[in-house]
Amino acid sequence: MSKGKFEKAVAIVQSLPKDGPIKPSQDEQLYFYKYYKQATVGDVNISRPGMMDFTGKAKWDAWDSVKGTSQEEAHQKYVEKLLEILKKTDTEESKKFIAEIEAA
């Protein structure tokens, strides 16, 4: 899995409009978050947020759940999940994104 494919996938995920046809679920968003952090930072390196920060705790727990995953594997899992979502969506835009990732 090339780093270029990962970078292209990250750019696509970050560019998706909130009300567009390609809508990752909350679980899928957490999946992207944890593998992005693992790929770019490594194992979780911050303390767990406080009790009232529900979103922060969910993100921290997701990231912590992939502790020990290699950068390469994190790249691969991130890209594979995006391709899976794009193939399910099956629109012209999603086909264009798939082609861009495969060309990277």
PDB file of N, CA and C in Angstrom:
ATOM      1  N   MET A   1       0.863  -1.188   0.000  1.00  0.00           N
ATOM      2  CA  MET A   1       0.000   0.000   0.000  1.00  0.00           C
ATOM      3  C   MET A   1       0.897   1.233   0.000  1.00  0.00           C
ATOM      4  N   SER A   2       0.753   2.059  -1.013  1.00  0.00           N
ATOM      5  CA  SER A   2       1.607   3.246  -1.088  1.00  0.00           C
ATOM      6  C   SER A   2       1.076   4.359  -0.181  1.00  0.00           C
ATOM      7  N   LYS A   3       2.008   5.179   0.275  1.00  0.00           N
ATOM      8  CA  LYS A   3       1.625   6.327   1.095  1.00  0.00           C
ATOM      9  C   LYS A   3       0.767   7.282   0.262  1.00  0.00           C
ATOM     10  N   GLY A   4       1.004   7.320  -1.044  1.00  0.00           N
ATOM     11  CA  GLY A   4       0.222   8.179  -1.939  1.00  0.00           C
ATOM     12  C   GLY A   4      -1.260   7.825  -1.917  1.00  0.00           C
ATOM     13  N   LYS A   5      -1.570   6.525  -1.895  1.00  0.00           N
ATOM     14  CA  LYS A   5      -2.975   6.090  -1.847  1.00  0.00           C
ATOM     15  C   LYS A   5      -3.621   6.560  -0.541  1.00  0.00           C
ATOM     16  N   PHE A   6      -2.878   6.419   0.557  1.00  0.00           N
ATOM     17  CA  PHE A   6      -3.372   6.859   1.859  1.00  0.00           C
ATOM     18  C   PHE A   6      -3.636   8.370   1.841  1.00  0.00           C
ATOM     19  N   GLU A   7      -2.669   9.137   1.346  1.00  0.00           N
ATOM     20  CA  GLU A   7      -2.824  10.588   1.311  1.00  0.00           C
ATOM     21  C   GLU A   7      -4.005  11.004   0.441  1.00  0.00           C
ATOM     22  N   LYS A   8      -4.209  10.319  -0.685  1.00  0.00           N
ATOM     23  CA  LYS A   8      -5.347  10.615  -1.568  1.00  0.00           C
ATOM     24  C   LYS A   8      -6.649  10.292  -0.832  1.00  0.00           C
ATOM     25  N   ALA A   9      -6.687   9.149  -0.128  1.00  0.00           N
ATOM     26  CA  ALA A   9      -7.890   8.743   0.609  1.00  0.00           C
ATOM     27  C   ALA A   9      -8.218   9.760   1.704  1.00  0.00           C
ATOM     28  N   VAL A  10      -7.198  10.229   2.412  1.00  0.00           N
ATOM     29  CA  VAL A  10      -7.406  11.228   3.470  1.00  0.00           C
ATOM     30  C   VAL A  10      -7.990  12.503   2.866  1.00  0.00           C
ATOM     31  N   ALA A  11      -7.436  12.934   1.734  1.00  0.00           N
ATOM     32  CA  ALA A  11      -7.929  14.155   1.077  1.00  0.00           C
ATOM     33  C   ALA A  11      -9.398  13.996   0.678  1.00  0.00           C
ATOM     34  N   ILE A  12      -9.759  12.812   0.207  1.00  0.00           N
ATOM     35  CA  ILE A  12     -11.150  12.559  -0.203  1.00  0.00           C
ATOM     36  C   ILE A  12     -12.070  12.598   1.019  1.00  0.00           C
ATOM     37  N   VAL A  13     -11.699  11.886   2.074  1.00  0.00           N
ATOM     38  CA  VAL A  13     -12.541  11.854   3.280  1.00  0.00           C
ATOM     39  C   VAL A  13     -12.730  13.266   3.830  1.00  0.00           C
ATOM     40  N   GLN A  14     -11.654  14.047   3.860  1.00  0.00           N
ATOM     41  CA  GLN A  14     -11.745  15.396   4.422  1.00  0.00           C
ATOM     42  C   GLN A  14     -12.549  16.337   3.534  1.00  0.00           C
ATOM     43  N   SER A  15     -12.691  16.003   2.240  1.00  0.00           N
ATOM     44  CA  SER A  15     -13.408  16.893   1.322  1.00  0.00           C
ATOM     45  C   SER A  15     -14.891  16.556   1.188  1.00  0.00           C
ATOM     46  N   LEU A  16     -15.325  15.435   1.777  1.00  0.00           N
ATOM     47  CA  LEU A  16     -16.720  15.026   1.620  1.00  0.00           C
ATOM     48  C   LEU A  16     -17.659  16.023   2.294  1.00  0.00           C
ATOM     49  N   PRO A  17     -18.634  16.559   1.535  1.00  0.00           N
ATOM     50  CA  PRO A  17     -19.591  17.469   2.178  1.00  0.00           C
ATOM     51  C   PRO A  17     -20.487  16.705   3.149  1.00  0.00           C
ATOM     52  N   LYS A  18     -20.829  17.345   4.253  1.00  0.00           N
ATOM     53  CA  LYS A  18     -21.631  16.679   5.284  1.00  0.00           C
ATOM     54  C   LYS A  18     -22.974  16.197   4.760  1.00  0.00           C
ATOM     55  N   ASP A  19     -23.523  16.904   3.766  1.00  0.00           N
ATOM     56  CA  ASP A  19     -24.836  16.505   3.253  1.00  0.00           C
ATOM     57  C   ASP A  19     -24.740  15.888   1.855  1.00  0.00           C
ATOM     58  N   GLY A  20     -23.569  15.408   1.492  1.00  0.00           N
ATOM     59  CA  GLY A  20     -23.388  14.810   0.164  1.00  0.00           C
ATOM     60  C   GLY A  20     -23.878  13.369   0.117  1.00  0.00           C
ATOM     61  N   PRO A  21     -23.798  12.745  -1.059  1.00  0.00           N
ATOM     62  CA  PRO A  21     -24.278  11.373  -1.224  1.00  0.00           C
ATOM     63  C   PRO A  21     -23.375  10.332  -0.547  1.00  0.00           C
ATOM     64  N   ILE A  22     -22.102  10.668  -0.360  1.00  0.00           N
ATOM     65  CA  ILE A  22     -21.166   9.731   0.275  1.00  0.00           C
ATOM     66  C   ILE A  22     -21.063  10.149   1.733  1.00  0.00           C
ATOM     67  N   LYS A  23     -21.726   9.360   2.615  1.00  0.00           N
ATOM     68  CA  LYS A  23     -21.822   9.738   4.027  1.00  0.00           C
ATOM     69  C   LYS A  23     -21.340   8.615   4.923  1.00  0.00           C
ATOM     70  N   PRO A  24     -20.088   8.677   5.367  1.00  0.00           N
ATOM     71  CA  PRO A  24     -19.648   7.663   6.331  1.00  0.00           C
ATOM     72  C   PRO A  24     -20.476   7.770   7.617  1.00  0.00           C
ATOM     73  N   SER A  25     -20.845   6.630   8.171  1.00  0.00           N
ATOM     74  CA  SER A  25     -21.577   6.603   9.439  1.00  0.00           C
ATOM     75  C   SER A  25     -20.656   7.086  10.562  1.00  0.00           C
ATOM     76  N   GLN A  26     -21.226   7.252  11.744  1.00  0.00           N
ATOM     77  CA  GLN A  26     -20.407   7.672  12.887  1.00  0.00           C
ATOM     78  C   GLN A  26     -19.321   6.635  13.187  1.00  0.00           C
ATOM     79  N   ASP A  27     -19.678   5.353  13.107  1.00  0.00           N
ATOM     80  CA  ASP A  27     -18.690   4.290  13.336  1.00  0.00           C
ATOM     81  C   ASP A  27     -17.584   4.347  12.291  1.00  0.00           C
ATOM     82  N   GLU A  28     -17.971   4.587  11.038  1.00  0.00           N
ATOM     83  CA  GLU A  28     -16.971   4.667   9.969  1.00  0.00           C
ATOM     84  C   GLU A  28     -16.069   5.891  10.163  1.00  0.00           C
ATOM     85  N   GLN A  29     -16.650   6.991  10.632  1.00  0.00           N
ATOM     86  CA  GLN A  29     -15.842   8.181  10.901  1.00  0.00           C
ATOM     87  C   GLN A  29     -14.814   7.904  12.003  1.00  0.00           C
ATOM     88  N   LEU A  30     -15.239   7.187  13.042  1.00  0.00           N
ATOM     89  CA  LEU A  30     -14.303   6.813  14.105  1.00  0.00           C
ATOM     90  C   LEU A  30     -13.227   5.876  13.571  1.00  0.00           C
ATOM     91  N   TYR A  31     -13.609   4.986  12.666  1.00  0.00           N
ATOM     92  CA  TYR A  31     -12.658   4.061  12.037  1.00  0.00           C
ATOM     93  C   TYR A  31     -11.581   4.870  11.301  1.00  0.00           C
ATOM     94  N   PHE A  32     -12.032   5.847  10.488  1.00  0.00           N
ATOM     95  CA  PHE A  32     -11.071   6.697   9.771  1.00  0.00           C
ATOM     96  C   PHE A  32     -10.181   7.443  10.758  1.00  0.00           C
ATOM     97  N   TYR A  33     -10.798   7.976  11.811  1.00  0.00           N
ATOM     98  CA  TYR A  33     -10.046   8.746  12.797  1.00  0.00           C
ATOM     99  C   TYR A  33      -8.944   7.891  13.422  1.00  0.00           C
ATOM    100  N   LYS A  34      -9.295   6.699  13.897  1.00  0.00           N
ATOM    101  CA  LYS A  34      -8.303   5.908  14.636  1.00  0.00           C
ATOM    102  C   LYS A  34      -7.154   5.463  13.738  1.00  0.00           C
ATOM    103  N   TYR A  35      -7.459   5.112  12.490  1.00  0.00           N
ATOM    104  CA  TYR A  35      -6.365   4.677  11.612  1.00  0.00           C
ATOM    105  C   TYR A  35      -5.575   5.858  11.067  1.00  0.00           C
ATOM    106  N   TYR A  36      -6.215   7.017  10.952  1.00  0.00           N
ATOM    107  CA  TYR A  36      -5.468   8.225  10.565  1.00  0.00           C
ATOM    108  C   TYR A  36      -4.466   8.567  11.666  1.00  0.00           C
ATOM    109  N   LYS A  37      -4.936   8.595  12.911  1.00  0.00           N
ATOM    110  CA  LYS A  37      -4.051   8.928  14.032  1.00  0.00           C
ATOM    111  C   LYS A  37      -2.936   7.895  14.174  1.00  0.00           C
ATOM    112  N   GLN A  38      -3.277   6.616  14.011  1.00  0.00           N
ATOM    113  CA  GLN A  38      -2.272   5.567  14.144  1.00  0.00           C
ATOM    114  C   GLN A  38      -1.230   5.692  13.029  1.00  0.00           C
ATOM    115  N   ALA A  39      -1.686   6.031  11.818  1.00  0.00           N
ATOM    116  CA  ALA A  39      -0.768   6.150  10.677  1.00  0.00           C
ATOM    117  C   ALA A  39       0.121   7.385  10.786  1.00  0.00           C
ATOM    118  N   THR A  40      -0.417   8.467  11.350  1.00  0.00           N
ATOM    119  CA  THR A  40       0.332   9.725  11.340  1.00  0.00           C
ATOM    120  C   THR A  40       1.057  10.017  12.647  1.00  0.00           C
ATOM    121  N   VAL A  41       0.551   9.480  13.778  1.00  0.00           N
ATOM    122  CA  VAL A  41       1.153   9.758  15.079  1.00  0.00           C
ATOM    123  C   VAL A  41       1.771   8.497  15.688  1.00  0.00           C
ATOM    124  N   GLY A  42       1.116   7.352  15.487  1.00  0.00           N
ATOM    125  CA  GLY A  42       1.533   6.112  16.138  1.00  0.00           C
ATOM    126  C   GLY A  42       0.587   5.815  17.290  1.00  0.00           C
ATOM    127  N   ASP A  43       1.061   5.055  18.262  1.00  0.00           N
ATOM    128  CA  ASP A  43       0.218   4.701  19.411  1.00  0.00           C
ATOM    129  C   ASP A  43      -0.254   5.958  20.133  1.00  0.00           C
ATOM    130  N   VAL A  44      -1.443   5.850  20.737  1.00  0.00           N
ATOM    131  CA  VAL A  44      -2.035   6.981  21.461  1.00  0.00           C
ATOM    132  C   VAL A  44      -1.002   7.553  22.439  1.00  0.00           C
ATOM    133  N   ASN A  45      -0.835   8.880  22.405  1.00  0.00           N
ATOM    134  CA  ASN A  45       0.229   9.520  23.192  1.00  0.00           C
ATOM    135  C   ASN A  45      -0.294  10.683  24.029  1.00  0.00           C
ATOM    136  N   ILE A  46      -1.604  10.701  24.246  1.00  0.00           N
ATOM    137  CA  ILE A  46      -2.212  11.747  25.073  1.00  0.00           C
ATOM    138  C   ILE A  46      -3.073  11.070  26.135  1.00  0.00           C
ATOM    139  N   SER A  47      -3.370  11.776  27.227  1.00  0.00           N
ATOM    140  CA  SER A  47      -4.216  11.159  28.241  1.00  0.00           C
ATOM    141  C   SER A  47      -5.670  11.183  27.801  1.00  0.00           C
ATOM    142  N   ARG A  48      -6.414  10.249  28.362  1.00  0.00           N
ATOM    143  CA  ARG A  48      -7.835  10.113  28.029  1.00  0.00           C
ATOM    144  C   ARG A  48      -8.586  11.343  28.535  1.00  0.00           C
ATOM    145  N   PRO A  49      -9.442  11.913  27.663  1.00  0.00           N
ATOM    146  CA  PRO A  49     -10.198  13.101  28.076  1.00  0.00           C
ATOM    147  C   PRO A  49     -11.103  12.821  29.278  1.00  0.00           C
ATOM    148  N   GLY A  50     -11.521  13.901  29.928  1.00  0.00           N
ATOM    149  CA  GLY A  50     -12.354  13.806  31.133  1.00  0.00           C
ATOM    150  C   GLY A  50     -13.749  13.269  30.876  1.00  0.00           C
ATOM    151  N   MET A  51     -14.454  13.032  31.964  1.00  0.00           N
ATOM    152  CA  MET A  51     -15.759  12.389  31.947  1.00  0.00           C
ATOM    153  C   MET A  51     -16.790  13.046  31.034  1.00  0.00           C
ATOM    154  N   MET A  52     -16.806  14.364  30.979  1.00  0.00           N
ATOM    155  CA  MET A  52     -17.854  15.058  30.234  1.00  0.00           C
ATOM    156  C   MET A  52     -17.550  15.201  28.742  1.00  0.00           C
ATOM    157  N   ASP A  53     -16.350  14.862  28.337  1.00  0.00           N
ATOM    158  CA  ASP A  53     -15.976  14.977  26.924  1.00  0.00           C
ATOM    159  C   ASP A  53     -16.263  13.652  26.224  1.00  0.00           C
ATOM    160  N   PHE A  54     -17.542  13.434  25.890  1.00  0.00           N
ATOM    161  CA  PHE A  54     -17.971  12.150  25.316  1.00  0.00           C
ATOM    162  C   PHE A  54     -17.329  11.892  23.954  1.00  0.00           C
ATOM    163  N   THR A  55     -17.288  12.910  23.114  1.00  0.00           N
ATOM    164  CA  THR A  55     -16.691  12.754  21.790  1.00  0.00           C
ATOM    165  C   THR A  55     -15.197  12.482  21.910  1.00  0.00           C
ATOM    166  N   GLY A  56     -14.543  13.257  22.738  1.00  0.00           N
ATOM    167  CA  GLY A  56     -13.102  13.080  22.946  1.00  0.00           C
ATOM    168  C   GLY A  56     -12.768  11.691  23.461  1.00  0.00           C
ATOM    169  N   LYS A  57     -13.595  11.200  24.398  1.00  0.00           N
ATOM    170  CA  LYS A  57     -13.361   9.848  24.947  1.00  0.00           C
ATOM    171  C   LYS A  57     -13.571   8.790  23.874  1.00  0.00           C
ATOM    172  N   ALA A  58     -14.615   8.945  23.059  1.00  0.00           N
ATOM    173  CA  ALA A  58     -14.887   7.964  21.996  1.00  0.00           C
ATOM    174  C   ALA A  58     -13.725   7.923  21.007  1.00  0.00           C
ATOM    175  N   LYS A  59     -13.198   9.107  20.663  1.00  0.00           N
ATOM    176  CA  LYS A  59     -12.076   9.165  19.729  1.00  0.00           C
ATOM    177  C   LYS A  59     -10.826   8.543  20.363  1.00  0.00           C
ATOM    178  N   TRP A  60     -10.572   8.876  21.623  1.00  0.00           N
ATOM    179  CA  TRP A  60      -9.398   8.337  22.316  1.00  0.00           C
ATOM    180  C   TRP A  60      -9.493   6.814  22.399  1.00  0.00           C
ATOM    181  N   ASP A  61     -10.673   6.308  22.801  1.00  0.00           N
ATOM    182  CA  ASP A  61     -10.861   4.854  22.924  1.00  0.00           C
ATOM    183  C   ASP A  61     -10.673   4.160  21.575  1.00  0.00           C
ATOM    184  N   ALA A  62     -11.191   4.780  20.508  1.00  0.00           N
ATOM    185  CA  ALA A  62     -11.042   4.193  19.173  1.00  0.00           C
ATOM    186  C   ALA A  62      -9.557   4.122  18.807  1.00  0.00           C
ATOM    187  N   TRP A  63      -8.846   5.217  19.007  1.00  0.00           N
ATOM    188  CA  TRP A  63      -7.421   5.257  18.684  1.00  0.00           C
ATOM    189  C   TRP A  63      -6.654   4.248  19.533  1.00  0.00           C
ATOM    190  N   ASP A  64      -6.956   4.201  20.831  1.00  0.00           N
ATOM    191  CA  ASP A  64      -6.280   3.271  21.734  1.00  0.00           C
ATOM    192  C   ASP A  64      -6.529   1.814  21.332  1.00  0.00           C
ATOM    193  N   SER A  65      -7.675   1.553  20.693  1.00  0.00           N
ATOM    194  CA  SER A  65      -8.028   0.171  20.317  1.00  0.00           C
ATOM    195  C   SER A  65      -7.135  -0.378  19.207  1.00  0.00           C
ATOM    196  N   VAL A  66      -6.383   0.478  18.519  1.00  0.00           N
ATOM    197  CA  VAL A  66      -5.508  -0.007  17.443  1.00  0.00           C
ATOM    198  C   VAL A  66      -4.033   0.142  17.815  1.00  0.00           C
ATOM    199  N   LYS A  67      -3.771   0.294  19.116  1.00  0.00           N
ATOM    200  CA  LYS A  67      -2.393   0.402  19.602  1.00  0.00           C
ATOM    201  C   LYS A  67      -1.567  -0.773  19.070  1.00  0.00           C
ATOM    202  N   GLY A  68      -0.365  -0.474  18.611  1.00  0.00           N
ATOM    203  CA  GLY A  68       0.521  -1.525  18.111  1.00  0.00           C
ATOM    204  C   GLY A  68       0.379  -1.790  16.619  1.00  0.00           C
ATOM    205  N   THR A  69      -0.626  -1.200  15.970  1.00  0.00           N
ATOM    206  CA  THR A  69      -0.797  -1.379  14.530  1.00  0.00           C
ATOM    207  C   THR A  69       0.304  -0.595  13.819  1.00  0.00           C
ATOM    208  N   SER A  70       0.927  -1.227  12.824  1.00  0.00           N
ATOM    209  CA  SER A  70       2.000  -0.547  12.094  1.00  0.00           C
ATOM    210  C   SER A  70       1.430   0.574  11.233  1.00  0.00           C
ATOM    211  N   GLN A  71       2.292   1.511  10.894  1.00  0.00           N
ATOM    212  CA  GLN A  71       1.879   2.636  10.040  1.00  0.00           C
ATOM    213  C   GLN A  71       1.358   2.099   8.700  1.00  0.00           C
ATOM    214  N   GLU A  72       2.066   1.136   8.142  1.00  0.00           N
ATOM    215  CA  GLU A  72       1.669   0.553   6.851  1.00  0.00           C
ATOM    216  C   GLU A  72       0.276  -0.084   6.928  1.00  0.00           C
ATOM    217  N   GLU A  73       0.041  -0.853   7.994  1.00  0.00           N
ATOM    218  CA  GLU A  73      -1.264  -1.499   8.145  1.00  0.00           C
ATOM    219  C   GLU A  73      -2.370  -0.462   8.355  1.00  0.00           C
ATOM    220  N   ALA A  74      -2.067   0.599   9.098  1.00  0.00           N
ATOM    221  CA  ALA A  74      -3.047   1.667   9.308  1.00  0.00           C
ATOM    222  C   ALA A  74      -3.396   2.334   7.973  1.00  0.00           C
ATOM    223  N   HIS A  75      -2.379   2.584   7.138  1.00  0.00           N
ATOM    224  CA  HIS A  75      -2.631   3.139   5.795  1.00  0.00           C
ATOM    225  C   HIS A  75      -3.594   2.232   5.037  1.00  0.00           C
ATOM    226  N   GLN A  76      -3.284   0.939   5.054  1.00  0.00           N
ATOM    227  CA  GLN A  76      -4.065  -0.033   4.292  1.00  0.00           C
ATOM    228  C   GLN A  76      -5.513  -0.097   4.770  1.00  0.00           C
ATOM    229  N   LYS A  77      -5.722  -0.164   6.065  1.00  0.00           N
ATOM    230  CA  LYS A  77      -7.079  -0.273   6.601  1.00  0.00           C
ATOM    231  C   LYS A  77      -7.902   0.978   6.280  1.00  0.00           C
ATOM    232  N   TYR A  78      -7.272   2.135   6.350  1.00  0.00           N
ATOM    233  CA  TYR A  78      -7.956   3.399   6.046  1.00  0.00           C
ATOM    234  C   TYR A  78      -8.422   3.393   4.588  1.00  0.00           C
ATOM    235  N   VAL A  79      -7.510   3.059   3.680  1.00  0.00           N
ATOM    236  CA  VAL A  79      -7.829   3.070   2.245  1.00  0.00           C
ATOM    237  C   VAL A  79      -8.879   2.017   1.921  1.00  0.00           C
ATOM    238  N   GLU A  80      -8.737   0.818   2.470  1.00  0.00           N
ATOM    239  CA  GLU A  80      -9.703  -0.253   2.196  1.00  0.00           C
ATOM    240  C   GLU A  80     -11.105   0.134   2.649  1.00  0.00           C
ATOM    241  N   LYS A  81     -11.229   0.771   3.815  1.00  0.00           N
ATOM    242  CA  LYS A  81     -12.546   1.180   4.325  1.00  0.00           C
ATOM    243  C   LYS A  81     -13.165   2.229   3.400  1.00  0.00           C
ATOM    244  N   LEU A  82     -12.366   3.188   2.940  1.00  0.00           N
ATOM    245  CA  LEU A  82     -12.912   4.206   2.038  1.00  0.00           C
ATOM    246  C   LEU A  82     -13.364   3.564   0.729  1.00  0.00           C
ATOM    247  N   LEU A  83     -12.560   2.662   0.178  1.00  0.00           N
ATOM    248  CA  LEU A  83     -12.951   1.991  -1.073  1.00  0.00           C
ATOM    249  C   LEU A  83     -14.254   1.209  -0.883  1.00  0.00           C
ATOM    250  N   GLU A  84     -14.398   0.563   0.272  1.00  0.00           N
ATOM    251  CA  GLU A  84     -15.624  -0.194   0.580  1.00  0.00           C
ATOM    252  C   GLU A  84     -16.845   0.740   0.585  1.00  0.00           C
ATOM    253  N   ILE A  85     -16.723   1.887   1.224  1.00  0.00           N
ATOM    254  CA  ILE A  85     -17.825   2.859   1.284  1.00  0.00           C
ATOM    255  C   ILE A  85     -18.131   3.398  -0.118  1.00  0.00           C
ATOM    256  N   LEU A  86     -17.083   3.718  -0.870  1.00  0.00           N
ATOM    257  CA  LEU A  86     -17.283   4.263  -2.220  1.00  0.00           C
ATOM    258  C   LEU A  86     -17.961   3.255  -3.138  1.00  0.00           C
ATOM    259  N   LYS A  87     -17.574   1.989  -3.022  1.00  0.00           N
ATOM    260  CA  LYS A  87     -18.177   0.953  -3.884  1.00  0.00           C
ATOM    261  C   LYS A  87     -19.648   0.751  -3.531  1.00  0.00           C
ATOM    262  N   LYS A  88     -19.992   0.892  -2.241  1.00  0.00           N
ATOM    263  CA  LYS A  88     -21.392   0.776  -1.801  1.00  0.00           C
ATOM    264  C   LYS A  88     -22.224   1.931  -2.332  1.00  0.00           C
ATOM    265  N   THR A  89     -21.619   3.125  -2.378  1.00  0.00           N
ATOM    266  CA  THR A  89     -22.343   4.328  -2.784  1.00  0.00           C
ATOM    267  C   THR A  89     -22.668   4.293  -4.277  1.00  0.00           C
ATOM    268  N   ASP A  90     -21.698   3.867  -5.095  1.00  0.00           N
ATOM    269  CA  ASP A  90     -21.879   3.658  -6.526  1.00  0.00           C
ATOM    270  C   ASP A  90     -22.504   4.857  -7.257  1.00  0.00           C
ATOM    271  N   THR A  91     -21.873   6.023  -7.131  1.00  0.00           N
ATOM    272  CA  THR A  91     -22.286   7.205  -7.890  1.00  0.00           C
ATOM    273  C   THR A  91     -21.134   7.573  -8.828  1.00  0.00           C
ATOM    274  N   GLU A  92     -21.361   8.518  -9.713  1.00  0.00           N
ATOM    275  CA  GLU A  92     -20.278   8.975 -10.596  1.00  0.00           C
ATOM    276  C   GLU A  92     -19.122   9.522  -9.766  1.00  0.00           C
ATOM    277  N   GLU A  93     -19.470  10.283  -8.727  1.00  0.00           N
ATOM    278  CA  GLU A  93     -18.435  10.868  -7.867  1.00  0.00           C
ATOM    279  C   GLU A  93     -17.615   9.781  -7.173  1.00  0.00           C
ATOM    280  N   SER A  94     -18.297   8.759  -6.659  1.00  0.00           N
ATOM    281  CA  SER A  94     -17.561   7.699  -5.952  1.00  0.00           C
ATOM    282  C   SER A  94     -16.672   6.932  -6.935  1.00  0.00           C
ATOM    283  N   LYS A  95     -17.134   6.725  -8.168  1.00  0.00           N
ATOM    284  CA  LYS A  95     -16.297   6.038  -9.180  1.00  0.00           C
ATOM    285  C   LYS A  95     -15.055   6.866  -9.504  1.00  0.00           C
ATOM    286  N   LYS A  96     -15.230   8.193  -9.557  1.00  0.00           N
ATOM    287  CA  LYS A  96     -14.097   9.093  -9.817  1.00  0.00           C
ATOM    288  C   LYS A  96     -13.085   8.993  -8.670  1.00  0.00           C
ATOM    289  N   PHE A  97     -13.576   8.975  -7.421  1.00  0.00           N
ATOM    290  CA  PHE A  97     -12.696   8.856  -6.259  1.00  0.00           C
ATOM    291  C   PHE A  97     -11.934   7.527  -6.279  1.00  0.00           C
ATOM    292  N   ILE A  98     -12.622   6.425  -6.621  1.00  0.00           N
ATOM    293  CA  ILE A  98     -11.976   5.110  -6.680  1.00  0.00           C
ATOM    294  C   ILE A  98     -10.835   5.154  -7.688  1.00  0.00           C
ATOM    295  N   ALA A  99     -11.094   5.738  -8.863  1.00  0.00           N
ATOM    296  CA  ALA A  99     -10.055   5.837  -9.901  1.00  0.00           C
ATOM    297  C   ALA A  99      -8.864   6.664  -9.410  1.00  0.00           C
ATOM    298  N   GLU A 100      -9.156   7.754  -8.679  1.00  0.00           N
ATOM    299  CA  GLU A 100      -8.074   8.608  -8.163  1.00  0.00           C
ATOM    300  C   GLU A 100      -7.216   7.848  -7.150  1.00  0.00           C
ATOM    301  N   ILE A 101      -7.853   7.065  -6.291  1.00  0.00           N
ATOM    302  CA  ILE A 101      -7.083   6.299  -5.290  1.00  0.00           C
ATOM    303  C   ILE A 101      -6.246   5.237  -5.992  1.00  0.00           C
ATOM    304  N   GLU A 102      -6.846   4.524  -6.947  1.00  0.00           N
ATOM    305  CA  GLU A 102      -6.114   3.460  -7.620  1.00  0.00           C
ATOM    306  C   GLU A 102      -4.950   3.999  -8.438  1.00  0.00           C
ATOM    307  N   ALA A 103      -5.057   5.239  -8.911  1.00  0.00           N
ATOM    308  CA  ALA A 103      -3.976   5.839  -9.712  1.00  0.00           C
ATOM    309  C   ALA A 103      -2.856   6.397  -8.833  1.00  0.00           C
ATOM    310  N   ALA A 104      -3.140   6.609  -7.570  1.00  0.00           N
ATOM    311  CA  ALA A 104      -2.144   7.248  -6.673  1.00  0.00           C
ATOM    312  C   ALA A 104      -0.969   6.321  -6.391  1.00  0.00           C
TER     313      ALA A 104
END
